[in-house]
Structures are given as structure tokens and as C-alpha cells.
Amino acid sequence: MPSANDLKTGQALTLDDGLYQIVEHTHTKPGKGKAFVKMKLKNLDGGGIVERTFRPDENVERAIIDRREHQFLYRDGIGFHFMDNETYAQIAISDEDVGEAADYLTEGTTALLPMYNDRPISVDLPTSVELAVTTAEPGVKGDRVSGATKPITLETGLVIQAPLFVDEGDVVKVDTRTGEYMTRVT
């Protein structure tokens, strides 16, 4: 087991009360007293962020997270259904575990599923996805101020701001990290 001092941001830990991912990691040596490692941890089982303090030499159990490529198939009352691209096994993930990734999932989308003990923890999307525009108000003639935007609705139901020239039926590229319009594809 590694010591708390050897850990890095992004790694997963198995603690007494669940599975956590390190969001922030700071080693502090105060003027008086002993050094300590302060971490912000995201609970992978229930969400939420907690802060914990460890001694630098304290051993912590790292969790082995296996990231597997899956294809999104469909959504129903059970949740989101994915197929493993290697074994073709299907798995259902609850709405809570998918979270905000649901706004970017369309049939056929490829995503990485972080798995712990063969149980999916969340959904990691590519940095951008292409989505069709289902609803877009037409741009008003003469309203062509530089940088003006309007709300558009995408095929997943997500509403984003896009330039005035984007019309219904267009396909746009959206940044999955920020939810912002990137460019029009067609």
C-alpha cells in the first residue's frame, strides 16, 4: 500500500467508509508541528466531496479502476444500457450513476466506463460530441451583432447557447466538459 505522500490527484482510494477519488492533494509542512497531507475526496459511491487529513507516512489502500470502452445502446425505465466493445456483454447503469453525461449520450456514442469490481462507477465521455439541433429560433434579419447567441435545443434535450446562424436540423459540436457550443458540423 502506498503512503498518503505518494498519491496523486485523480487516483482512487478505498477507505473505511467507501470508494473515493482524489480531487485535490496538498502536502503541508507548518512552521510548528508535523507535516500532513490534506486531500479533497469525491465519494464515488454517493457523490459529495469531503476533506480528509493524513499523516505523510500513513498507508492508504488504492483502488484499481479499470476503464473499459462501451457503446451506448438505449435508455429505458431501468437506466442507460451499454455494450462492452470487447466482450459484447450488456450492462445497465442507473440515471444517478450516469449523471450529467446523459445530456450528451445518443445511440452509438462510445464512452469509457470506469469499473470497480466489475461495477460501473460513472461515465467518461469524449471531450466533444456531435449532436443534431431539434429546435432553434430563426435569427432575426438585421440582428447580426457580432457574438450574438440564441438558445437551441439538441436531440438529447440539452439547451445551449449558439450563434444566430445555427438552424434546426444542423449538427453541432458541443464540449462535454463545459456544455458549450464549439462549431457547426453541417
C-alpha atoms as a PDB file:
ATOM      1  CA  MET A   1       0.000   0.000   0.000  1.00  0.00           C
ATOM      2  CA  PRO A   2       1.335   3.444  -0.852  1.00  0.00           C
ATOM      3  CA  SER A   3       1.699   6.171   1.724  1.00  0.00           C
ATOM      4  CA  ALA A   4      -0.525   9.276   1.600  1.00  0.00           C
ATOM      5  CA  ASN A   5       2.504  11.263   0.412  1.00  0.00           C
ATOM      6  CA  ASP A   6       2.892   9.058  -2.725  1.00  0.00           C
ATOM      7  CA  LEU A   7      -0.656   9.633  -4.008  1.00  0.00           C
ATOM      8  CA  LYS A   8      -1.637  11.966  -6.841  1.00  0.00           C
ATOM      9  CA  THR A   9      -4.746  13.794  -7.999  1.00  0.00           C
ATOM     10  CA  GLY A  10      -7.149  11.549  -9.931  1.00  0.00           C
ATOM     11  CA  GLN A  11      -6.243   8.296  -8.179  1.00  0.00           C
ATOM     12  CA  ALA A  12      -8.939   6.254  -6.435  1.00  0.00           C
ATOM     13  CA  LEU A  13      -8.801   5.128  -2.795  1.00  0.00           C
ATOM     14  CA  THR A  14     -10.640   2.530  -0.765  1.00  0.00           C
ATOM     15  CA  LEU A  15     -11.275   3.953   2.699  1.00  0.00           C
ATOM     16  CA  ASP A  16     -13.310   2.559   5.601  1.00  0.00           C
ATOM     17  CA  ASP A  17     -16.468   4.379   4.506  1.00  0.00           C
ATOM     18  CA  GLY A  18     -16.330   3.857   0.734  1.00  0.00           C
ATOM     19  CA  LEU A  19     -14.635   4.463  -2.575  1.00  0.00           C
ATOM     20  CA  TYR A  20     -13.132   7.910  -3.214  1.00  0.00           C
ATOM     21  CA  GLN A  21     -11.268   9.743  -5.965  1.00  0.00           C
ATOM     22  CA  ILE A  22      -8.654  12.384  -5.131  1.00  0.00           C
ATOM     23  CA  VAL A  23      -9.774  15.786  -6.419  1.00  0.00           C
ATOM     24  CA  GLU A  24      -7.083  17.849  -4.708  1.00  0.00           C
ATOM     25  CA  HIS A  25      -3.878  16.784  -2.949  1.00  0.00           C
ATOM     26  CA  THR A  26      -1.746  19.141  -0.811  1.00  0.00           C
ATOM     27  CA  HIS A  27       1.343  18.350   1.268  1.00  0.00           C
ATOM     28  CA  THR A  28       1.764  20.892   4.088  1.00  0.00           C
ATOM     29  CA  LYS A  29       4.683  21.430   6.435  1.00  0.00           C
ATOM     30  CA  PRO A  30       3.698  24.011   9.054  1.00  0.00           C
ATOM     31  CA  GLY A  31       6.314  26.025  10.935  1.00  0.00           C
ATOM     32  CA  LYS A  32       5.494  24.138  14.125  1.00  0.00           C
ATOM     33  CA  GLY A  33       4.374  20.561  14.340  1.00  0.00           C
ATOM     34  CA  LYS A  34       4.467  17.664  11.939  1.00  0.00           C
ATOM     35  CA  ALA A  35       3.771  17.671   8.214  1.00  0.00           C
ATOM     36  CA  PHE A  36       0.415  16.439   6.924  1.00  0.00           C
ATOM     37  CA  VAL A  37      -1.318  15.671   3.643  1.00  0.00           C
ATOM     38  CA  LYS A  38      -4.698  17.289   3.064  1.00  0.00           C
ATOM     39  CA  MET A  39      -6.972  15.836   0.372  1.00  0.00           C
ATOM     40  CA  LYS A  40     -10.305  16.730  -1.148  1.00  0.00           C
ATOM     41  CA  LEU A  41     -12.004  13.453  -1.994  1.00  0.00           C
ATOM     42  CA  LYS A  42     -15.047  12.792  -4.172  1.00  0.00           C
ATOM     43  CA  ASN A  43     -17.215   9.936  -2.956  1.00  0.00           C
ATOM     44  CA  LEU A  44     -17.679   7.644  -5.979  1.00  0.00           C
ATOM     45  CA  ASP A  45     -20.498   5.718  -4.310  1.00  0.00           C
ATOM     46  CA  GLY A  46     -22.760   8.596  -3.345  1.00  0.00           C
ATOM     47  CA  GLY A  47     -21.319  11.787  -4.807  1.00  0.00           C
ATOM     48  CA  GLY A  48     -20.345  14.591  -2.455  1.00  0.00           C
ATOM     49  CA  ILE A  49     -16.897  15.932  -1.635  1.00  0.00           C
ATOM     50  CA  VAL A  50     -15.163  15.541   1.717  1.00  0.00           C
ATOM     51  CA  GLU A  51     -11.845  16.761   3.077  1.00  0.00           C
ATOM     52  CA  ARG A  52      -9.523  14.380   4.880  1.00  0.00           C
ATOM     53  CA  THR A  53      -6.140  14.839   6.519  1.00  0.00           C
ATOM     54  CA  PHE A  54      -3.499  12.086   6.596  1.00  0.00           C
ATOM     55  CA  ARG A  55      -0.013  11.728   8.031  1.00  0.00           C
ATOM     56  CA  PRO A  56       2.544  11.611   5.177  1.00  0.00           C
ATOM     57  CA  ASP A  57       3.669   8.107   6.163  1.00  0.00           C
ATOM     58  CA  GLU A  58       0.129   6.766   6.684  1.00  0.00           C
ATOM     59  CA  ASN A  59      -0.646   3.845   4.356  1.00  0.00           C
ATOM     60  CA  VAL A  60      -3.760   4.165   2.217  1.00  0.00           C
ATOM     61  CA  GLU A  61      -5.296   1.448   0.053  1.00  0.00           C
ATOM     62  CA  ARG A  62      -5.515   2.414  -3.629  1.00  0.00           C
ATOM     63  CA  ALA A  63      -8.489   1.149  -5.590  1.00  0.00           C
ATOM     64  CA  ILE A  64      -7.836  -0.358  -9.001  1.00  0.00           C
ATOM     65  CA  ILE A  65     -10.193   1.244 -11.518  1.00  0.00           C
ATOM     66  CA  ASP A  66     -10.465  -0.500 -14.882  1.00  0.00           C
ATOM     67  CA  ARG A  67     -11.616   1.770 -17.727  1.00  0.00           C
ATOM     68  CA  ARG A  68     -13.399  -0.124 -20.491  1.00  0.00           C
ATOM     69  CA  GLU A  69     -14.749   1.195 -23.764  1.00  0.00           C
ATOM     70  CA  HIS A  70     -18.508   0.757 -24.129  1.00  0.00           C
ATOM     71  CA  GLN A  71     -21.109   1.775 -26.688  1.00  0.00           C
ATOM     72  CA  PHE A  72     -24.353   3.391 -25.561  1.00  0.00           C
ATOM     73  CA  LEU A  73     -27.325   1.372 -26.862  1.00  0.00           C
ATOM     74  CA  TYR A  74     -30.555   2.792 -25.416  1.00  0.00           C
ATOM     75  CA  ARG A  75     -32.323   4.201 -22.365  1.00  0.00           C
ATOM     76  CA  ASP A  76     -35.407   2.748 -20.667  1.00  0.00           C
ATOM     77  CA  GLY A  77     -37.055   2.632 -17.230  1.00  0.00           C
ATOM     78  CA  ILE A  78     -34.140   0.651 -15.764  1.00  0.00           C
ATOM     79  CA  GLY A  79     -31.486   3.138 -16.881  1.00  0.00           C
ATOM     80  CA  PHE A  80     -28.878   3.503 -19.597  1.00  0.00           C
ATOM     81  CA  HIS A  81     -27.787   0.349 -21.424  1.00  0.00           C
ATOM     82  CA  PHE A  82     -24.213  -0.026 -22.668  1.00  0.00           C
ATOM     83  CA  MET A  83     -22.396  -2.789 -24.557  1.00  0.00           C
ATOM     84  CA  ASP A  84     -18.757  -3.709 -23.885  1.00  0.00           C
ATOM     85  CA  ASN A  85     -16.860  -3.293 -27.184  1.00  0.00           C
ATOM     86  CA  GLU A  86     -14.639  -6.328 -26.482  1.00  0.00           C
ATOM     87  CA  THR A  87     -16.950  -8.934 -24.922  1.00  0.00           C
ATOM     88  CA  TYR A  88     -20.298  -7.613 -26.270  1.00  0.00           C
ATOM     89  CA  ALA A  89     -21.751  -8.023 -22.774  1.00  0.00           C
ATOM     90  CA  GLN A  90     -24.503  -5.536 -21.931  1.00  0.00           C
ATOM     91  CA  ILE A  91     -24.770  -3.558 -18.724  1.00  0.00           C
ATOM     92  CA  ALA A  92     -27.416  -1.195 -17.352  1.00  0.00           C
ATOM     93  CA  ILE A  93     -26.418   1.909 -15.395  1.00  0.00           C
ATOM     94  CA  SER A  94     -28.830   3.921 -13.251  1.00  0.00           C
ATOM     95  CA  ASP A  95     -29.676   7.548 -14.054  1.00  0.00           C
ATOM     96  CA  GLU A  96     -27.842   8.678 -10.889  1.00  0.00           C
ATOM     97  CA  ASP A  97     -24.590   6.958 -11.907  1.00  0.00           C
ATOM     98  CA  VAL A  98     -24.726   8.411 -15.439  1.00  0.00           C
ATOM     99  CA  GLY A  99     -25.343  11.925 -14.085  1.00  0.00           C
ATOM    100  CA  GLU A 100     -24.770  14.873 -16.412  1.00  0.00           C
ATOM    101  CA  ALA A 101     -23.351  12.598 -19.123  1.00  0.00           C
ATOM    102  CA  ALA A 102     -26.984  11.814 -20.037  1.00  0.00           C
ATOM    103  CA  ASP A 103     -27.175  15.210 -21.779  1.00  0.00           C
ATOM    104  CA  TYR A 104     -24.614  14.052 -24.357  1.00  0.00           C
ATOM    105  CA  LEU A 105     -25.482  10.376 -24.932  1.00  0.00           C
ATOM    106  CA  THR A 106     -27.057   9.324 -28.219  1.00  0.00           C
ATOM    107  CA  GLU A 107     -27.372   5.810 -29.617  1.00  0.00           C
ATOM    108  CA  GLY A 108     -23.985   4.597 -30.781  1.00  0.00           C
ATOM    109  CA  THR A 109     -21.931   7.021 -28.661  1.00  0.00           C
ATOM    110  CA  THR A 110     -18.692   5.466 -27.395  1.00  0.00           C
ATOM    111  CA  ALA A 111     -17.766   6.168 -23.774  1.00  0.00           C
ATOM    112  CA  LEU A 112     -15.293   4.884 -21.202  1.00  0.00           C
ATOM    113  CA  LEU A 113     -16.869   3.286 -18.147  1.00  0.00           C
ATOM    114  CA  PRO A 114     -14.663   3.285 -15.046  1.00  0.00           C
ATOM    115  CA  MET A 115     -15.280  -0.103 -13.369  1.00  0.00           C
ATOM    116  CA  TYR A 116     -14.522  -1.099  -9.785  1.00  0.00           C
ATOM    117  CA  ASN A 117     -15.009  -4.809  -9.008  1.00  0.00           C
ATOM    118  CA  ASP A 118     -16.874  -5.138 -12.344  1.00  0.00           C
ATOM    119  CA  ARG A 119     -19.340  -2.429 -11.254  1.00  0.00           C
ATOM    120  CA  PRO A 120     -19.573   0.790 -13.287  1.00  0.00           C
ATOM    121  CA  ILE A 121     -18.913   3.927 -11.243  1.00  0.00           C
ATOM    122  CA  SER A 122     -19.645   6.656 -13.774  1.00  0.00           C
ATOM    123  CA  VAL A 123     -19.481   7.508 -17.487  1.00  0.00           C
ATOM    124  CA  ASP A 124     -16.452   9.262 -19.016  1.00  0.00           C
ATOM    125  CA  LEU A 125     -17.338  10.933 -22.312  1.00  0.00           C
ATOM    126  CA  PRO A 126     -15.042  12.136 -25.074  1.00  0.00           C
ATOM    127  CA  THR A 127     -14.202  15.855 -24.809  1.00  0.00           C
ATOM    128  CA  SER A 128     -16.679  16.730 -27.560  1.00  0.00           C
ATOM    129  CA  VAL A 129     -19.727  15.153 -29.188  1.00  0.00           C
ATOM    130  CA  GLU A 130     -21.753  15.933 -32.302  1.00  0.00           C
ATOM    131  CA  LEU A 131     -25.487  16.437 -31.717  1.00  0.00           C
ATOM    132  CA  ALA A 132     -28.357  17.400 -34.016  1.00  0.00           C
ATOM    133  CA  VAL A 133     -30.310  20.606 -33.378  1.00  0.00           C
ATOM    134  CA  THR A 134     -34.030  19.865 -32.911  1.00  0.00           C
ATOM    135  CA  THR A 135     -35.273  23.352 -32.068  1.00  0.00           C
ATOM    136  CA  ALA A 136     -33.766  26.728 -32.951  1.00  0.00           C
ATOM    137  CA  GLU A 137     -35.479  30.096 -33.244  1.00  0.00           C
ATOM    138  CA  PRO A 138     -34.703  31.727 -36.575  1.00  0.00           C
ATOM    139  CA  GLY A 139     -32.244  34.616 -36.415  1.00  0.00           C
ATOM    140  CA  VAL A 140     -33.993  37.975 -36.899  1.00  0.00           C
ATOM    141  CA  LYS A 141     -32.874  39.809 -40.045  1.00  0.00           C
ATOM    142  CA  GLY A 142     -30.720  42.737 -39.060  1.00  0.00           C
ATOM    143  CA  ASP A 143     -29.947  41.194 -35.661  1.00  0.00           C
ATOM    144  CA  ARG A 144     -26.408  40.260 -36.627  1.00  0.00           C
ATOM    145  CA  VAL A 145     -24.454  41.796 -33.803  1.00  0.00           C
ATOM    146  CA  SER A 146     -21.012  40.223 -33.548  1.00  0.00           C
ATOM    147  CA  GLY A 147     -21.018  37.430 -30.985  1.00  0.00           C
ATOM    148  CA  ALA A 148     -24.805  37.310 -30.531  1.00  0.00           C
ATOM    149  CA  THR A 149     -26.226  33.949 -29.424  1.00  0.00           C
ATOM    150  CA  LYS A 150     -29.583  32.235 -29.091  1.00  0.00           C
ATOM    151  CA  PRO A 151     -30.814  29.165 -27.199  1.00  0.00           C
ATOM    152  CA  ILE A 152     -31.027  25.936 -29.189  1.00  0.00           C
ATOM    153  CA  THR A 153     -32.342  22.516 -28.148  1.00  0.00           C
ATOM    154  CA  LEU A 154     -30.312  19.435 -29.065  1.00  0.00           C
ATOM    155  CA  GLU A 155     -31.548  15.895 -29.772  1.00  0.00           C
ATOM    156  CA  THR A 156     -30.868  14.828 -26.167  1.00  0.00           C
ATOM    157  CA  GLY A 157     -32.995  17.688 -24.767  1.00  0.00           C
ATOM    158  CA  LEU A 158     -29.989  19.768 -23.718  1.00  0.00           C
ATOM    159  CA  VAL A 159     -30.414  23.525 -24.262  1.00  0.00           C
ATOM    160  CA  ILE A 160     -27.262  25.516 -25.051  1.00  0.00           C
ATOM    161  CA  GLN A 161     -26.356  28.937 -26.425  1.00  0.00           C
ATOM    162  CA  ALA A 162     -25.221  29.008 -30.073  1.00  0.00           C
ATOM    163  CA  PRO A 163     -24.548  31.657 -32.738  1.00  0.00           C
ATOM    164  CA  LEU A 164     -27.507  33.100 -34.641  1.00  0.00           C
ATOM    165  CA  PHE A 165     -26.646  31.230 -37.880  1.00  0.00           C
ATOM    166  CA  VAL A 166     -27.308  27.775 -36.338  1.00  0.00           C
ATOM    167  CA  ASP A 167     -30.630  26.406 -37.614  1.00  0.00           C
ATOM    168  CA  GLU A 168     -32.905  23.475 -36.900  1.00  0.00           C
ATOM    169  CA  GLY A 169     -31.521  20.299 -38.493  1.00  0.00           C
ATOM    170  CA  ASP A 170     -27.871  21.378 -38.222  1.00  0.00           C
ATOM    171  CA  VAL A 171     -25.351  19.188 -36.441  1.00  0.00           C
ATOM    172  CA  VAL A 172     -23.164  20.993 -33.902  1.00  0.00           C
ATOM    173  CA  LYS A 173     -20.112  20.002 -31.879  1.00  0.00           C
ATOM    174  CA  VAL A 174     -20.515  20.511 -28.120  1.00  0.00           C
ATOM    175  CA  ASP A 175     -17.799  20.466 -25.432  1.00  0.00           C
ATOM    176  CA  THR A 176     -18.858  17.829 -22.866  1.00  0.00           C
ATOM    177  CA  ARG A 177     -16.746  19.392 -20.095  1.00  0.00           C
ATOM    178  CA  THR A 178     -18.388  22.826 -20.227  1.00  0.00           C
ATOM    179  CA  GLY A 179     -21.589  22.219 -22.209  1.00  0.00           C
ATOM    180  CA  GLU A 180     -20.679  24.998 -24.638  1.00  0.00           C
ATOM    181  CA  TYR A 181     -21.138  25.219 -28.399  1.00  0.00           C
ATOM    182  CA  MET A 182     -17.875  24.649 -30.297  1.00  0.00           C
ATOM    183  CA  THR A 183     -18.690  24.659 -34.033  1.00  0.00           C
ATOM    184  CA  ARG A 184     -21.305  23.750 -36.619  1.00  0.00           C
ATOM    185  CA  VAL A 185     -20.509  20.473 -38.383  1.00  0.00           C
ATOM    186  CA  THR A 186     -23.243  20.537 -41.078  1.00  0.00           C
END
